[in-house]
Amino acid sequence: MTDKTPKAGGAPRRRGRPSADCAQGADNLLRTARRTFALRGYEATSVREIARLAGVDAALIAHHFGSKEALWLAVVDQIVGLTDPMRAVAIALRQDATLGPRVRVERALLDFIDRVFEHPDIGIFFSTAATEEGERLNVLVDKLVRPFHDVFLPLFEDAMDAGELRRCDPALLFSLLTQGISKTVAYSHVLRAVSTLPDDPARFKREISDVTLQLLR
């Protein structure tokens, strides 16, 4: 008679959805890959180096993503997920009839600042990836640049039409403000050489918010 009692070491693994540990491992790899791609660029980054920094075997990256190209694309998709709430806020603000046009712009930018402080390395990743040419740049534009402009520019245009913002190219104004914010936060270690603001994150965030609103006015 065959003994069907499970052997020491636990019950056999069931097929189905990945375990929480597996999902967490993939997320850790993506965050590590995001930082490494941001600092070194795509070509100078190796899968082996990402694995070493993540504290895993390089075979795990192949298991989860298959290739460096697929890993980079997964990082972009992760950023899309992290920034989706920003777009949702901008859409909701435009539909809020209780707020004036410029107030909507201000609140959208303040929310943007909050998100930038949550994930400052996204700014570095974007700056580095924006130097790419070819298909990776196309992916960046299609998944991050255009979707942002599609929801933020109408807020700026509404405020300009209402005479609450000075008339200019809304895409230029949006780019100057958002890139200035994200790069200032992402490269706060450079600012630290000439300012003590980065040593006090709460004050740093308040100052960036105040200066951004002053620039709008």
N, C-alpha and C. Protein backbone atom coordinates (compact mmCIF):
# COMPACT_ATOMS: atom_id res chain seq x y z
N MET A 1 0.85 -1.21 0.00
CA MET A 1 0.00 0.00 0.00
C MET A 1 0.88 1.25 0.00
N THR A 2 0.58 2.16 -0.89
CA THR A 2 1.41 3.36 -1.03
C THR A 2 1.08 4.38 0.04
N ASP A 3 2.10 4.93 0.68
CA ASP A 3 1.92 5.95 1.71
C ASP A 3 1.72 7.31 1.05
N LYS A 4 0.50 7.92 1.20
CA LYS A 4 0.19 9.19 0.57
C LYS A 4 0.33 10.37 1.52
N THR A 5 0.91 10.08 2.71
CA THR A 5 1.10 11.15 3.68
C THR A 5 2.16 12.11 3.17
N PRO A 6 1.91 13.44 3.18
CA PRO A 6 2.91 14.39 2.70
C PRO A 6 4.21 14.25 3.45
N LYS A 7 5.30 14.31 2.77
CA LYS A 7 6.62 14.21 3.38
C LYS A 7 6.98 15.51 4.07
N ALA A 8 7.99 15.41 4.93
CA ALA A 8 8.45 16.60 5.66
C ALA A 8 8.83 17.68 4.67
N GLY A 9 8.52 18.90 5.02
CA GLY A 9 8.83 20.01 4.12
C GLY A 9 7.59 20.71 3.63
N GLY A 10 6.38 20.17 3.99
CA GLY A 10 5.15 20.88 3.63
C GLY A 10 4.43 20.23 2.48
N ALA A 11 3.22 20.72 2.23
CA ALA A 11 2.39 20.18 1.16
C ALA A 11 2.95 20.57 -0.19
N PRO A 12 2.69 19.76 -1.21
CA PRO A 12 3.18 20.10 -2.55
C PRO A 12 2.60 21.42 -3.02
N ARG A 13 3.37 22.16 -3.83
CA ARG A 13 2.94 23.46 -4.32
C ARG A 13 1.78 23.29 -5.30
N ARG A 14 0.75 24.10 -5.13
CA ARG A 14 -0.39 24.05 -6.02
C ARG A 14 -0.18 24.92 -7.24
N ARG A 15 -0.77 24.50 -8.33
CA ARG A 15 -0.74 25.34 -9.53
C ARG A 15 -1.75 26.48 -9.37
N GLY A 16 -1.54 27.55 -10.09
CA GLY A 16 -2.48 28.67 -10.03
C GLY A 16 -1.74 29.98 -9.98
N ARG A 17 -2.31 30.96 -9.28
CA ARG A 17 -1.72 32.29 -9.22
C ARG A 17 -0.39 32.26 -8.49
N PRO A 18 0.56 33.14 -8.86
CA PRO A 18 1.84 33.18 -8.18
C PRO A 18 1.65 33.52 -6.72
N SER A 19 2.54 33.01 -5.88
CA SER A 19 2.46 33.31 -4.45
C SER A 19 2.79 34.76 -4.20
N ALA A 20 2.44 35.25 -2.99
CA ALA A 20 2.75 36.63 -2.63
C ALA A 20 4.24 36.87 -2.66
N ASP A 21 5.02 35.87 -2.22
CA ASP A 21 6.47 36.01 -2.23
C ASP A 21 7.00 36.16 -3.65
N CYS A 22 6.40 35.42 -4.59
CA CYS A 22 6.82 35.50 -5.99
C CYS A 22 6.53 36.89 -6.55
N ALA A 23 5.34 37.42 -6.26
CA ALA A 23 4.97 38.75 -6.74
C ALA A 23 5.86 39.81 -6.12
N GLN A 24 6.17 39.65 -4.83
CA GLN A 24 7.04 40.61 -4.16
C GLN A 24 8.44 40.57 -4.75
N GLY A 25 8.90 39.35 -5.09
CA GLY A 25 10.22 39.23 -5.70
C GLY A 25 10.30 39.93 -7.04
N ALA A 26 9.24 39.80 -7.84
CA ALA A 26 9.20 40.46 -9.14
C ALA A 26 9.18 41.97 -8.96
N ASP A 27 8.42 42.46 -7.97
CA ASP A 27 8.34 43.90 -7.72
C ASP A 27 9.70 44.43 -7.28
N ASN A 28 10.40 43.68 -6.44
CA ASN A 28 11.74 44.09 -5.99
C ASN A 28 12.70 44.17 -7.17
N LEU A 29 12.61 43.21 -8.06
CA LEU A 29 13.45 43.23 -9.26
C LEU A 29 13.16 44.46 -10.12
N LEU A 30 11.89 44.81 -10.28
CA LEU A 30 11.52 45.96 -11.09
C LEU A 30 12.03 47.26 -10.47
N ARG A 31 11.91 47.39 -9.15
CA ARG A 31 12.38 48.61 -8.49
C ARG A 31 13.91 48.72 -8.60
N THR A 32 14.59 47.60 -8.44
CA THR A 32 16.05 47.60 -8.58
C THR A 32 16.44 47.91 -10.02
N ALA A 33 15.74 47.30 -10.97
CA ALA A 33 16.02 47.55 -12.39
C ALA A 33 15.77 49.01 -12.74
N ARG A 34 14.70 49.58 -12.19
CA ARG A 34 14.37 50.98 -12.46
C ARG A 34 15.51 51.90 -12.01
N ARG A 35 16.00 51.67 -10.80
CA ARG A 35 17.10 52.49 -10.29
C ARG A 35 18.37 52.30 -11.12
N THR A 36 18.65 51.06 -11.50
CA THR A 36 19.89 50.77 -12.24
C THR A 36 19.82 51.33 -13.66
N PHE A 37 18.72 51.12 -14.35
CA PHE A 37 18.55 51.71 -15.68
C PHE A 37 18.63 53.24 -15.59
N ALA A 38 18.07 53.81 -14.52
CA ALA A 38 18.07 55.26 -14.35
C ALA A 38 19.49 55.79 -14.23
N LEU A 39 20.31 55.11 -13.46
CA LEU A 39 21.66 55.61 -13.19
C LEU A 39 22.64 55.30 -14.32
N ARG A 40 22.45 54.20 -15.03
CA ARG A 40 23.45 53.77 -16.00
C ARG A 40 22.98 53.75 -17.44
N GLY A 41 21.69 53.83 -17.65
CA GLY A 41 21.18 53.73 -19.01
C GLY A 41 21.01 52.28 -19.42
N TYR A 42 20.27 52.07 -20.49
CA TYR A 42 19.95 50.71 -20.91
C TYR A 42 21.18 49.92 -21.32
N GLU A 43 21.99 50.48 -22.21
CA GLU A 43 23.12 49.73 -22.76
C GLU A 43 24.15 49.37 -21.70
N ALA A 44 24.38 50.26 -20.75
CA ALA A 44 25.42 50.02 -19.73
C ALA A 44 24.92 49.16 -18.57
N THR A 45 23.66 48.80 -18.60
CA THR A 45 23.09 47.99 -17.52
C THR A 45 23.03 46.52 -17.94
N SER A 46 23.51 45.64 -17.07
CA SER A 46 23.45 44.22 -17.37
C SER A 46 22.45 43.53 -16.45
N VAL A 47 21.87 42.46 -16.95
CA VAL A 47 20.93 41.68 -16.15
C VAL A 47 21.64 41.13 -14.92
N ARG A 48 22.87 40.73 -15.08
CA ARG A 48 23.64 40.17 -13.95
C ARG A 48 23.83 41.21 -12.85
N GLU A 49 24.08 42.46 -13.25
CA GLU A 49 24.27 43.53 -12.27
C GLU A 49 22.96 43.82 -11.52
N ILE A 50 21.85 43.84 -12.24
CA ILE A 50 20.56 44.06 -11.59
C ILE A 50 20.29 42.94 -10.59
N ALA A 51 20.58 41.71 -10.99
CA ALA A 51 20.37 40.57 -10.09
C ALA A 51 21.24 40.70 -8.85
N ARG A 52 22.48 41.11 -9.03
CA ARG A 52 23.39 41.26 -7.88
C ARG A 52 22.86 42.32 -6.92
N LEU A 53 22.43 43.45 -7.46
CA LEU A 53 21.92 44.54 -6.61
C LEU A 53 20.61 44.15 -5.92
N ALA A 54 19.82 43.30 -6.59
CA ALA A 54 18.56 42.85 -6.00
C ALA A 54 18.77 41.69 -5.03
N GLY A 55 19.98 41.13 -5.04
CA GLY A 55 20.27 40.02 -4.15
C GLY A 55 19.65 38.71 -4.58
N VAL A 56 19.54 38.51 -5.91
CA VAL A 56 18.95 37.27 -6.43
C VAL A 56 19.84 36.69 -7.51
N ASP A 57 19.53 35.49 -7.92
CA ASP A 57 20.23 34.86 -9.02
C ASP A 57 19.72 35.43 -10.35
N ALA A 58 20.63 35.61 -11.30
CA ALA A 58 20.24 36.18 -12.60
C ALA A 58 19.19 35.32 -13.29
N ALA A 59 19.16 34.03 -12.97
CA ALA A 59 18.16 33.15 -13.59
C ALA A 59 16.74 33.55 -13.21
N LEU A 60 16.59 34.22 -12.06
CA LEU A 60 15.26 34.64 -11.63
C LEU A 60 14.70 35.71 -12.56
N ILE A 61 15.58 36.57 -13.08
CA ILE A 61 15.12 37.61 -14.02
C ILE A 61 14.62 36.95 -15.30
N ALA A 62 15.38 35.96 -15.77
CA ALA A 62 14.94 35.23 -16.96
C ALA A 62 13.60 34.55 -16.70
N HIS A 63 13.42 34.03 -15.48
CA HIS A 63 12.18 33.35 -15.13
C HIS A 63 10.99 34.32 -15.15
N HIS A 64 11.18 35.51 -14.57
CA HIS A 64 10.08 36.47 -14.47
C HIS A 64 9.85 37.25 -15.77
N PHE A 65 10.96 37.61 -16.47
CA PHE A 65 10.83 38.57 -17.57
C PHE A 65 11.37 38.08 -18.91
N GLY A 66 12.28 37.14 -18.89
CA GLY A 66 12.76 36.57 -20.14
C GLY A 66 14.00 37.21 -20.72
N SER A 67 14.07 38.55 -20.73
CA SER A 67 15.20 39.23 -21.34
C SER A 67 15.36 40.63 -20.75
N LYS A 68 16.49 41.27 -21.03
CA LYS A 68 16.70 42.63 -20.55
C LYS A 68 15.70 43.59 -21.18
N GLU A 69 15.42 43.41 -22.46
CA GLU A 69 14.45 44.26 -23.14
C GLU A 69 13.08 44.15 -22.50
N ALA A 70 12.67 42.90 -22.21
CA ALA A 70 11.36 42.69 -21.57
C ALA A 70 11.35 43.27 -20.17
N LEU A 71 12.48 43.20 -19.48
CA LEU A 71 12.58 43.78 -18.14
C LEU A 71 12.43 45.29 -18.20
N TRP A 72 13.08 45.93 -19.18
CA TRP A 72 12.97 47.39 -19.34
C TRP A 72 11.51 47.78 -19.62
N LEU A 73 10.85 47.03 -20.49
CA LEU A 73 9.45 47.31 -20.81
C LEU A 73 8.57 47.13 -19.58
N ALA A 74 8.91 46.13 -18.75
CA ALA A 74 8.14 45.92 -17.52
C ALA A 74 8.34 47.06 -16.55
N VAL A 75 9.54 47.64 -16.53
CA VAL A 75 9.80 48.81 -15.69
C VAL A 75 8.93 49.98 -16.14
N VAL A 76 8.85 50.19 -17.44
CA VAL A 76 8.01 51.27 -17.96
C VAL A 76 6.55 51.03 -17.57
N ASP A 77 6.09 49.79 -17.69
CA ASP A 77 4.71 49.47 -17.31
C ASP A 77 4.49 49.70 -15.81
N GLN A 78 5.51 49.40 -15.01
CA GLN A 78 5.40 49.65 -13.57
C GLN A 78 5.24 51.15 -13.31
N ILE A 79 6.02 51.96 -14.02
CA ILE A 79 5.92 53.42 -13.86
C ILE A 79 4.54 53.91 -14.28
N VAL A 80 4.02 53.34 -15.36
CA VAL A 80 2.65 53.70 -15.80
C VAL A 80 1.67 53.44 -14.65
N GLY A 81 1.81 52.29 -14.00
CA GLY A 81 0.92 51.97 -12.89
C GLY A 81 1.08 52.92 -11.72
N LEU A 82 2.32 53.32 -11.44
CA LEU A 82 2.58 54.23 -10.32
C LEU A 82 2.09 55.64 -10.61
N THR A 83 2.04 56.01 -11.88
CA THR A 83 1.63 57.36 -12.24
C THR A 83 0.17 57.47 -12.67
N ASP A 84 -0.51 56.33 -12.81
CA ASP A 84 -1.94 56.35 -13.15
C ASP A 84 -2.75 57.23 -12.20
N PRO A 85 -2.49 57.19 -10.88
CA PRO A 85 -3.28 58.03 -9.96
C PRO A 85 -3.17 59.52 -10.28
N MET A 86 -2.01 59.96 -10.77
CA MET A 86 -1.84 61.37 -11.14
C MET A 86 -2.79 61.75 -12.27
N ARG A 87 -2.87 60.90 -13.26
CA ARG A 87 -3.76 61.17 -14.38
C ARG A 87 -5.22 61.14 -13.94
N ALA A 88 -5.53 60.21 -13.04
CA ALA A 88 -6.89 60.13 -12.53
C ALA A 88 -7.28 61.40 -11.79
N VAL A 89 -6.34 61.94 -11.01
CA VAL A 89 -6.60 63.19 -10.29
C VAL A 89 -6.84 64.33 -11.27
N ALA A 90 -6.01 64.42 -12.31
CA ALA A 90 -6.16 65.50 -13.29
C ALA A 90 -7.51 65.42 -14.00
N ILE A 91 -7.93 64.21 -14.34
CA ILE A 91 -9.23 64.03 -14.99
C ILE A 91 -10.36 64.45 -14.06
N ALA A 92 -10.28 64.03 -12.79
CA ALA A 92 -11.32 64.38 -11.82
C ALA A 92 -11.37 65.88 -11.57
N LEU A 93 -10.21 66.52 -11.53
CA LEU A 93 -10.18 67.96 -11.30
C LEU A 93 -10.86 68.73 -12.42
N ARG A 94 -10.64 68.31 -13.65
CA ARG A 94 -11.26 69.03 -14.77
C ARG A 94 -12.79 68.92 -14.73
N GLN A 95 -13.27 67.86 -14.13
CA GLN A 95 -14.71 67.65 -14.05
C GLN A 95 -15.34 68.30 -12.82
N ASP A 96 -14.50 68.88 -11.96
CA ASP A 96 -14.98 69.47 -10.72
C ASP A 96 -15.40 70.93 -10.96
N ALA A 97 -16.69 71.15 -11.09
CA ALA A 97 -17.21 72.49 -11.40
C ALA A 97 -17.14 73.44 -10.22
N THR A 98 -16.81 72.92 -9.03
CA THR A 98 -16.75 73.79 -7.84
C THR A 98 -15.43 74.55 -7.76
N LEU A 99 -14.46 74.18 -8.60
CA LEU A 99 -13.14 74.80 -8.56
C LEU A 99 -12.92 75.68 -9.79
N GLY A 100 -12.20 76.78 -9.59
CA GLY A 100 -11.83 77.63 -10.71
C GLY A 100 -10.74 76.98 -11.55
N PRO A 101 -10.58 77.39 -12.80
CA PRO A 101 -9.60 76.77 -13.70
C PRO A 101 -8.16 76.78 -13.17
N ARG A 102 -7.71 77.92 -12.60
CA ARG A 102 -6.33 77.94 -12.13
C ARG A 102 -6.16 77.08 -10.88
N VAL A 103 -7.17 77.04 -10.03
CA VAL A 103 -7.10 76.19 -8.84
C VAL A 103 -6.96 74.72 -9.25
N ARG A 104 -7.63 74.33 -10.31
CA ARG A 104 -7.50 72.95 -10.80
C ARG A 104 -6.06 72.65 -11.21
N VAL A 105 -5.45 73.60 -11.93
CA VAL A 105 -4.06 73.43 -12.33
C VAL A 105 -3.17 73.32 -11.10
N GLU A 106 -3.39 74.21 -10.14
CA GLU A 106 -2.55 74.21 -8.94
C GLU A 106 -2.66 72.89 -8.18
N ARG A 107 -3.88 72.39 -8.04
CA ARG A 107 -4.06 71.14 -7.30
C ARG A 107 -3.47 69.95 -8.04
N ALA A 108 -3.56 69.98 -9.36
CA ALA A 108 -2.95 68.91 -10.15
C ALA A 108 -1.43 68.91 -9.98
N LEU A 109 -0.84 70.09 -9.96
CA LEU A 109 0.61 70.18 -9.79
C LEU A 109 1.04 69.79 -8.37
N LEU A 110 0.24 70.16 -7.38
CA LEU A 110 0.56 69.78 -6.00
C LEU A 110 0.49 68.25 -5.84
N ASP A 111 -0.49 67.63 -6.49
CA ASP A 111 -0.55 66.17 -6.47
C ASP A 111 0.66 65.57 -7.18
N PHE A 112 1.05 66.18 -8.30
CA PHE A 112 2.24 65.73 -9.03
C PHE A 112 3.47 65.78 -8.12
N ILE A 113 3.61 66.85 -7.36
CA ILE A 113 4.75 67.00 -6.44
C ILE A 113 4.73 65.88 -5.39
N ASP A 114 3.55 65.59 -4.85
CA ASP A 114 3.42 64.50 -3.87
C ASP A 114 3.94 63.20 -4.44
N ARG A 115 3.54 62.88 -5.66
CA ARG A 115 3.94 61.61 -6.29
C ARG A 115 5.43 61.58 -6.60
N VAL A 116 5.97 62.71 -7.00
CA VAL A 116 7.41 62.78 -7.30
C VAL A 116 8.23 62.49 -6.04
N PHE A 117 7.79 63.01 -4.93
CA PHE A 117 8.51 62.74 -3.68
C PHE A 117 8.37 61.29 -3.24
N GLU A 118 7.29 60.63 -3.63
CA GLU A 118 7.12 59.21 -3.31
C GLU A 118 8.07 58.34 -4.12
N HIS A 119 8.32 58.72 -5.36
CA HIS A 119 9.15 57.90 -6.26
C HIS A 119 10.13 58.80 -7.02
N PRO A 120 11.11 59.38 -6.34
CA PRO A 120 12.01 60.35 -6.99
C PRO A 120 12.86 59.76 -8.11
N ASP A 121 13.13 58.45 -8.05
CA ASP A 121 14.00 57.87 -9.08
C ASP A 121 13.32 57.77 -10.43
N ILE A 122 11.98 57.92 -10.47
CA ILE A 122 11.29 57.89 -11.77
C ILE A 122 11.78 59.05 -12.64
N GLY A 123 12.03 60.21 -12.01
CA GLY A 123 12.54 61.35 -12.77
C GLY A 123 13.88 61.07 -13.40
N ILE A 124 14.75 60.37 -12.68
CA ILE A 124 16.07 60.03 -13.22
C ILE A 124 15.91 59.00 -14.35
N PHE A 125 15.05 58.01 -14.14
CA PHE A 125 14.81 57.01 -15.18
C PHE A 125 14.34 57.68 -16.46
N PHE A 126 13.37 58.59 -16.32
CA PHE A 126 12.81 59.25 -17.49
C PHE A 126 13.88 60.09 -18.20
N SER A 127 14.68 60.83 -17.43
CA SER A 127 15.72 61.67 -18.03
C SER A 127 16.73 60.84 -18.81
N THR A 128 17.11 59.70 -18.23
CA THR A 128 18.07 58.82 -18.89
C THR A 128 17.45 58.15 -20.11
N ALA A 129 16.23 57.63 -19.94
CA ALA A 129 15.57 56.93 -21.04
C ALA A 129 15.24 57.87 -22.20
N ALA A 130 15.04 59.15 -21.89
CA ALA A 130 14.70 60.12 -22.94
C ALA A 130 15.85 60.37 -23.90
N THR A 131 17.06 59.93 -23.54
CA THR A 131 18.20 60.07 -24.44
C THR A 131 18.27 58.91 -25.44
N GLU A 132 17.38 57.93 -25.27
CA GLU A 132 17.35 56.78 -26.17
C GLU A 132 16.87 57.21 -27.56
N GLU A 133 17.13 56.38 -28.52
CA GLU A 133 16.60 56.57 -29.86
C GLU A 133 15.93 55.29 -30.30
N GLY A 134 15.00 55.41 -31.23
CA GLY A 134 14.36 54.22 -31.77
C GLY A 134 13.17 53.76 -30.96
N GLU A 135 12.98 52.45 -30.90
CA GLU A 135 11.76 51.89 -30.34
C GLU A 135 11.58 52.18 -28.86
N ARG A 136 12.66 52.18 -28.09
CA ARG A 136 12.50 52.45 -26.65
C ARG A 136 12.01 53.87 -26.41
N LEU A 137 12.50 54.82 -27.20
CA LEU A 137 12.00 56.20 -27.08
C LEU A 137 10.53 56.26 -27.48
N ASN A 138 10.15 55.55 -28.51
CA ASN A 138 8.75 55.51 -28.93
C ASN A 138 7.86 54.97 -27.82
N VAL A 139 8.33 53.94 -27.14
CA VAL A 139 7.58 53.36 -26.02
C VAL A 139 7.41 54.39 -24.92
N LEU A 140 8.48 55.12 -24.62
CA LEU A 140 8.44 56.13 -23.56
C LEU A 140 7.42 57.22 -23.90
N VAL A 141 7.43 57.67 -25.14
CA VAL A 141 6.51 58.72 -25.57
C VAL A 141 5.07 58.21 -25.54
N ASP A 142 4.84 57.01 -26.07
CA ASP A 142 3.48 56.48 -26.17
C ASP A 142 2.88 56.15 -24.81
N LYS A 143 3.70 55.66 -23.89
CA LYS A 143 3.16 55.18 -22.61
C LYS A 143 3.21 56.23 -21.49
N LEU A 144 4.12 57.20 -21.60
CA LEU A 144 4.27 58.16 -20.51
C LEU A 144 4.04 59.61 -20.95
N VAL A 145 4.67 60.02 -22.04
CA VAL A 145 4.59 61.44 -22.42
C VAL A 145 3.19 61.81 -22.89
N ARG A 146 2.69 61.15 -23.91
CA ARG A 146 1.38 61.52 -24.47
C ARG A 146 0.24 61.36 -23.46
N PRO A 147 0.18 60.25 -22.72
CA PRO A 147 -0.92 60.13 -21.74
C PRO A 147 -0.93 61.25 -20.72
N PHE A 148 0.23 61.72 -20.29
CA PHE A 148 0.29 62.82 -19.34
C PHE A 148 -0.22 64.10 -19.98
N HIS A 149 0.27 64.39 -21.17
CA HIS A 149 -0.16 65.62 -21.85
C HIS A 149 -1.65 65.59 -22.16
N ASP A 150 -2.17 64.43 -22.48
CA ASP A 150 -3.59 64.33 -22.84
C ASP A 150 -4.51 64.75 -21.71
N VAL A 151 -4.08 64.52 -20.46
CA VAL A 151 -4.97 64.86 -19.33
C VAL A 151 -4.58 66.17 -18.64
N PHE A 152 -3.31 66.56 -18.73
CA PHE A 152 -2.89 67.79 -18.05
C PHE A 152 -3.08 69.04 -18.91
N LEU A 153 -2.81 68.93 -20.20
CA LEU A 153 -2.89 70.13 -21.04
C LEU A 153 -4.29 70.77 -21.05
N PRO A 154 -5.38 69.99 -21.06
CA PRO A 154 -6.69 70.64 -21.00
C PRO A 154 -6.88 71.52 -19.77
N LEU A 155 -6.27 71.14 -18.64
CA LEU A 155 -6.35 71.97 -17.44
C LEU A 155 -5.67 73.32 -17.67
N PHE A 156 -4.49 73.28 -18.28
CA PHE A 156 -3.77 74.52 -18.57
C PHE A 156 -4.53 75.36 -19.60
N GLU A 157 -5.06 74.71 -20.62
CA GLU A 157 -5.80 75.44 -21.66
C GLU A 157 -7.06 76.10 -21.09
N ASP A 158 -7.75 75.40 -20.20
CA ASP A 158 -8.95 75.98 -19.57
C ASP A 158 -8.60 77.24 -18.79
N ALA A 159 -7.49 77.17 -18.04
CA ALA A 159 -7.08 78.32 -17.23
C ALA A 159 -6.66 79.49 -18.12
N MET A 160 -6.02 79.20 -19.24
CA MET A 160 -5.63 80.26 -20.17
C MET A 160 -6.86 80.87 -20.84
N ASP A 161 -7.81 80.02 -21.23
CA ASP A 161 -9.04 80.53 -21.85
C ASP A 161 -9.84 81.41 -20.90
N ALA A 162 -9.74 81.11 -19.60
CA ALA A 162 -10.46 81.89 -18.59
C ALA A 162 -9.70 83.15 -18.18
N GLY A 163 -8.50 83.34 -18.73
CA GLY A 163 -7.69 84.49 -18.38
C GLY A 163 -7.03 84.38 -17.02
N GLU A 164 -6.95 83.14 -16.48
CA GLU A 164 -6.37 82.95 -15.16
C GLU A 164 -4.91 82.49 -15.22
N LEU A 165 -4.45 82.19 -16.41
CA LEU A 165 -3.03 81.93 -16.65
C LEU A 165 -2.65 82.71 -17.90
N ARG A 166 -1.41 83.20 -17.89
CA ARG A 166 -0.93 83.94 -19.05
C ARG A 166 -0.88 83.02 -20.27
N ARG A 167 -1.35 83.51 -21.40
CA ARG A 167 -1.40 82.71 -22.62
C ARG A 167 0.01 82.38 -23.10
N CYS A 168 0.26 81.10 -23.30
CA CYS A 168 1.53 80.62 -23.87
C CYS A 168 1.27 79.21 -24.38
N ASP A 169 2.29 78.56 -24.88
CA ASP A 169 2.13 77.19 -25.34
C ASP A 169 1.94 76.30 -24.10
N PRO A 170 0.77 75.68 -23.94
CA PRO A 170 0.52 74.90 -22.72
C PRO A 170 1.46 73.71 -22.55
N ALA A 171 1.86 73.11 -23.68
CA ALA A 171 2.78 71.97 -23.59
C ALA A 171 4.14 72.42 -23.07
N LEU A 172 4.57 73.60 -23.50
CA LEU A 172 5.85 74.14 -23.02
C LEU A 172 5.78 74.44 -21.53
N LEU A 173 4.71 75.10 -21.10
CA LEU A 173 4.56 75.43 -19.69
C LEU A 173 4.51 74.17 -18.84
N PHE A 174 3.74 73.20 -19.28
CA PHE A 174 3.63 71.94 -18.55
C PHE A 174 4.99 71.25 -18.44
N SER A 175 5.73 71.21 -19.54
CA SER A 175 7.03 70.54 -19.54
C SER A 175 8.03 71.26 -18.63
N LEU A 176 8.06 72.58 -18.72
CA LEU A 176 8.98 73.34 -17.87
C LEU A 176 8.71 73.10 -16.39
N LEU A 177 7.44 73.12 -16.02
CA LEU A 177 7.09 72.95 -14.62
C LEU A 177 7.34 71.52 -14.13
N THR A 178 6.80 70.54 -14.86
CA THR A 178 6.90 69.16 -14.38
C THR A 178 8.32 68.62 -14.45
N GLN A 179 9.04 68.94 -15.52
CA GLN A 179 10.42 68.47 -15.60
C GLN A 179 11.30 69.18 -14.58
N GLY A 180 11.03 70.47 -14.36
CA GLY A 180 11.78 71.19 -13.34
C GLY A 180 11.55 70.60 -11.97
N ILE A 181 10.31 70.26 -11.66
CA ILE A 181 9.99 69.65 -10.36
C ILE A 181 10.66 68.29 -10.22
N SER A 182 10.43 67.42 -11.20
CA SER A 182 10.93 66.04 -11.07
C SER A 182 12.45 65.98 -11.04
N LYS A 183 13.11 66.79 -11.85
CA LYS A 183 14.58 66.75 -11.86
C LYS A 183 15.16 67.38 -10.60
N THR A 184 14.52 68.42 -10.08
CA THR A 184 15.02 69.03 -8.85
C THR A 184 14.95 68.03 -7.70
N VAL A 185 13.85 67.28 -7.64
CA VAL A 185 13.72 66.27 -6.58
C VAL A 185 14.63 65.08 -6.83
N ALA A 186 14.67 64.60 -8.07
CA ALA A 186 15.48 63.43 -8.39
C ALA A 186 16.97 63.68 -8.17
N TYR A 187 17.41 64.91 -8.46
CA TYR A 187 18.83 65.24 -8.31
C TYR A 187 19.05 66.13 -7.08
N SER A 188 18.32 65.84 -6.02
CA SER A 188 18.45 66.64 -4.80
C SER A 188 19.85 66.53 -4.20
N HIS A 189 20.56 65.44 -4.50
CA HIS A 189 21.93 65.29 -3.99
C HIS A 189 22.85 66.35 -4.61
N VAL A 190 22.52 66.83 -5.80
CA VAL A 190 23.30 67.91 -6.41
C VAL A 190 22.96 69.24 -5.75
N LEU A 191 21.66 69.45 -5.53
CA LEU A 191 21.22 70.67 -4.85
C LEU A 191 21.81 70.78 -3.46
N ARG A 192 22.04 69.63 -2.82
CA ARG A 192 22.58 69.61 -1.46
C ARG A 192 23.94 70.29 -1.38
N ALA A 193 24.64 70.37 -2.49
CA ALA A 193 25.96 71.02 -2.49
C ALA A 193 25.86 72.52 -2.26
N VAL A 194 24.69 73.09 -2.56
CA VAL A 194 24.53 74.54 -2.44
C VAL A 194 23.36 74.95 -1.56
N SER A 195 22.59 73.96 -1.07
CA SER A 195 21.41 74.27 -0.27
C SER A 195 21.20 73.18 0.78
N THR A 196 20.66 73.56 1.93
CA THR A 196 20.35 72.59 2.98
C THR A 196 18.93 72.03 2.85
N LEU A 197 18.15 72.52 1.89
CA LEU A 197 16.76 72.08 1.74
C LEU A 197 16.60 70.56 1.65
N PRO A 198 17.42 69.85 0.86
CA PRO A 198 17.22 68.41 0.75
C PRO A 198 17.41 67.66 2.07
N ASP A 199 18.06 68.29 3.05
CA ASP A 199 18.24 67.64 4.34
C ASP A 199 16.97 67.64 5.18
N ASP A 200 16.00 68.42 4.77
CA ASP A 200 14.71 68.50 5.47
C ASP A 200 13.61 68.24 4.44
N PRO A 201 13.27 66.96 4.20
CA PRO A 201 12.33 66.61 3.13
C PRO A 201 10.99 67.34 3.20
N ALA A 202 10.44 67.52 4.41
CA ALA A 202 9.14 68.18 4.53
C ALA A 202 9.24 69.64 4.09
N ARG A 203 10.30 70.32 4.53
CA ARG A 203 10.49 71.72 4.13
C ARG A 203 10.81 71.81 2.64
N PHE A 204 11.61 70.89 2.16
CA PHE A 204 11.97 70.84 0.74
C PHE A 204 10.70 70.76 -0.11
N LYS A 205 9.79 69.87 0.27
CA LYS A 205 8.54 69.70 -0.46
C LYS A 205 7.69 70.96 -0.40
N ARG A 206 7.60 71.58 0.77
CA ARG A 206 6.82 72.82 0.91
C ARG A 206 7.37 73.93 0.03
N GLU A 207 8.70 74.05 0.01
CA GLU A 207 9.34 75.11 -0.79
C GLU A 207 9.09 74.89 -2.28
N ILE A 208 9.21 73.64 -2.73
CA ILE A 208 8.95 73.35 -4.14
C ILE A 208 7.51 73.67 -4.49
N SER A 209 6.59 73.32 -3.61
CA SER A 209 5.17 73.61 -3.85
C SER A 209 4.94 75.12 -3.92
N ASP A 210 5.52 75.86 -2.98
CA ASP A 210 5.33 77.31 -2.96
C ASP A 210 5.91 77.98 -4.21
N VAL A 211 7.11 77.56 -4.59
CA VAL A 211 7.76 78.17 -5.76
C VAL A 211 6.98 77.83 -7.03
N THR A 212 6.48 76.61 -7.13
CA THR A 212 5.69 76.22 -8.31
C THR A 212 4.45 77.09 -8.45
N LEU A 213 3.74 77.30 -7.34
CA LEU A 213 2.53 78.12 -7.39
C LEU A 213 2.88 79.58 -7.70
N GLN A 214 4.02 80.08 -7.18
CA GLN A 214 4.44 81.44 -7.48
C GLN A 214 4.75 81.61 -8.97
N LEU A 215 5.36 80.59 -9.56
CA LEU A 215 5.67 80.66 -11.00
C LEU A 215 4.39 80.72 -11.84
N LEU A 216 3.36 80.03 -11.40
CA LEU A 216 2.09 80.07 -12.13
C LEU A 216 1.46 81.46 -12.08
N ARG A 217 1.70 82.17 -10.99
CA ARG A 217 1.03 83.46 -10.81
C ARG A 217 1.86 84.61 -11.34
